Amino acid sequence: MTIQTLIESGLFTVVNRGADTDRAITSVYCCDLLSVAMGHAPAGSAWVTVMGNINTLAVVALTDAACVVLAGGAHLDEAALAKARQQQITVLATDEAIFEAALAIHQKLHD
């Protein structure tokens, strides 16, 4: 599944559309502790978190995650949104809890 396929699924709101929406999503990763995510989020993953700050985007860049999904109604602050636009990182959002958001992505990956 690509980022574009996930966007088109309508499961999530698009906060920022990154440059490479044809990129494959290979897995789902859930974690709210940035230092743990930095060391364990797989490249190509859709990272689901409630952390909506500029450091989240740094972790996306460092881990080469495909995109980030902000769950539980979390949102990016202004500085983080500007950074997402500048770095062309795809950011999606949902009011669903982390587990439900990740499960929805997992199911789409295995359709």
Protein backbone atom coordinates (compact mmCIF):
# COMPACT_ATOMS: atom_id res chain seq x y z
CA MET A 1 0.00 0.00 0.00
CA THR A 2 1.23 3.48 -0.78
CA ILE A 3 0.79 6.67 1.18
CA GLN A 4 -1.57 7.84 -1.58
CA THR A 5 -3.69 4.70 -1.15
CA LEU A 6 -3.92 5.40 2.57
CA ILE A 7 -4.92 9.00 1.88
CA GLU A 8 -7.58 7.88 -0.61
CA SER A 9 -9.00 5.38 1.89
CA GLY A 10 -10.62 8.30 3.71
CA LEU A 11 -9.61 6.88 7.09
CA PHE A 12 -7.60 9.95 8.03
CA THR A 13 -7.60 13.70 7.56
CA VAL A 14 -4.66 15.03 5.56
CA VAL A 15 -2.77 17.60 7.63
CA ASN A 16 0.13 17.84 5.19
CA ARG A 17 0.65 15.98 1.93
CA GLY A 18 4.31 15.13 1.52
CA ALA A 19 6.24 14.93 -1.72
CA ASP A 20 6.44 11.16 -2.13
CA THR A 21 2.90 9.84 -1.80
CA ASP A 22 3.77 6.94 -4.13
CA ARG A 23 6.06 5.58 -1.43
CA ALA A 24 5.12 2.17 -0.05
CA ILE A 25 4.05 1.81 3.56
CA THR A 26 5.63 -1.42 4.78
CA SER A 27 4.43 -1.61 8.39
CA VAL A 28 2.71 0.19 11.25
CA TYR A 29 4.56 1.45 14.30
CA CYS A 30 2.98 2.82 17.49
CA CYS A 31 4.92 4.75 20.11
CA ASP A 32 4.61 8.04 21.97
CA LEU A 33 8.08 8.12 23.49
CA LEU A 34 10.17 9.92 20.89
CA SER A 35 13.50 8.48 22.03
CA VAL A 36 12.12 4.94 21.70
CA ALA A 37 10.56 5.66 18.32
CA MET A 38 13.88 7.13 17.15
CA GLY A 39 15.60 3.82 17.81
CA HIS A 40 12.86 1.42 16.75
CA ALA A 41 10.49 2.86 14.15
CA PRO A 42 11.11 0.92 10.94
CA ALA A 43 11.90 2.76 7.72
CA GLY A 44 8.79 2.82 5.57
CA SER A 45 6.41 2.57 8.50
CA ALA A 46 3.27 4.54 9.17
CA TRP A 47 4.06 5.84 12.64
CA VAL A 48 0.98 6.37 14.81
CA THR A 49 1.42 8.71 17.78
CA VAL A 50 -0.23 11.46 19.80
CA MET A 51 2.93 13.57 19.80
CA GLY A 52 2.31 16.56 17.53
CA ASN A 53 5.41 18.67 17.91
CA ILE A 54 8.46 19.56 15.87
CA ASN A 55 10.49 16.76 17.47
CA THR A 56 8.05 14.23 16.02
CA LEU A 57 8.98 15.40 12.55
CA ALA A 58 12.67 15.09 13.37
CA VAL A 59 12.07 11.45 14.34
CA VAL A 60 10.17 10.84 11.09
CA ALA A 61 13.16 12.17 9.16
CA LEU A 62 15.72 10.22 11.21
CA THR A 63 13.88 6.91 10.98
CA ASP A 64 12.77 7.37 7.37
CA ALA A 65 9.17 6.58 8.34
CA ALA A 66 6.82 6.83 5.36
CA CYS A 67 4.36 9.07 7.19
CA VAL A 68 3.05 9.98 10.62
CA VAL A 69 -0.53 9.61 11.80
CA LEU A 70 -1.59 11.78 14.72
CA ALA A 71 -4.19 9.86 16.72
CA GLY A 72 -6.54 10.75 19.55
CA GLY A 73 -7.31 14.19 18.18
CA ALA A 74 -3.67 15.30 18.41
CA HIS A 75 -2.57 18.03 16.06
CA LEU A 76 0.61 19.77 14.97
CA ASP A 77 1.48 23.08 16.52
CA GLU A 78 2.29 25.93 14.10
CA ALA A 79 6.06 25.36 14.17
CA ALA A 80 5.62 21.65 13.48
CA LEU A 81 3.18 22.27 10.63
CA ALA A 82 5.64 24.69 9.04
CA LYS A 83 8.41 22.09 9.39
CA ALA A 84 6.21 19.34 7.88
CA ARG A 85 5.56 21.58 4.89
CA GLN A 86 9.23 22.51 4.57
CA GLN A 87 10.43 18.89 4.78
CA GLN A 88 7.47 17.60 2.75
CA ILE A 89 6.48 15.00 5.34
CA THR A 90 3.04 13.43 5.03
CA VAL A 91 1.06 13.96 8.22
CA LEU A 92 -2.39 12.45 8.69
CA ALA A 93 -4.74 12.77 11.66
CA THR A 94 -7.70 11.09 13.33
CA ASP A 95 -9.77 11.35 16.46
CA GLU A 96 -9.50 7.57 16.83
CA ALA A 97 -7.27 6.13 19.54
CA ILE A 98 -3.81 4.90 18.59
CA PHE A 99 -4.83 1.23 18.61
CA GLU A 100 -7.83 1.76 16.32
CA ALA A 101 -5.83 3.93 13.93
CA ALA A 102 -3.00 1.42 13.76
CA LEU A 103 -5.42 -1.48 13.34
CA ALA A 104 -7.10 0.28 10.42
CA ILE A 105 -3.72 0.76 8.71
CA HIS A 106 -2.74 -2.85 9.46
CA GLN A 107 -5.98 -4.09 7.87
CA LYS A 108 -5.40 -1.95 4.77
CA LEU A 109 -1.85 -3.32 4.50
CA HIS A 110 -3.20 -6.87 4.50
CA ASP A 111 -6.23 -6.43 2.22
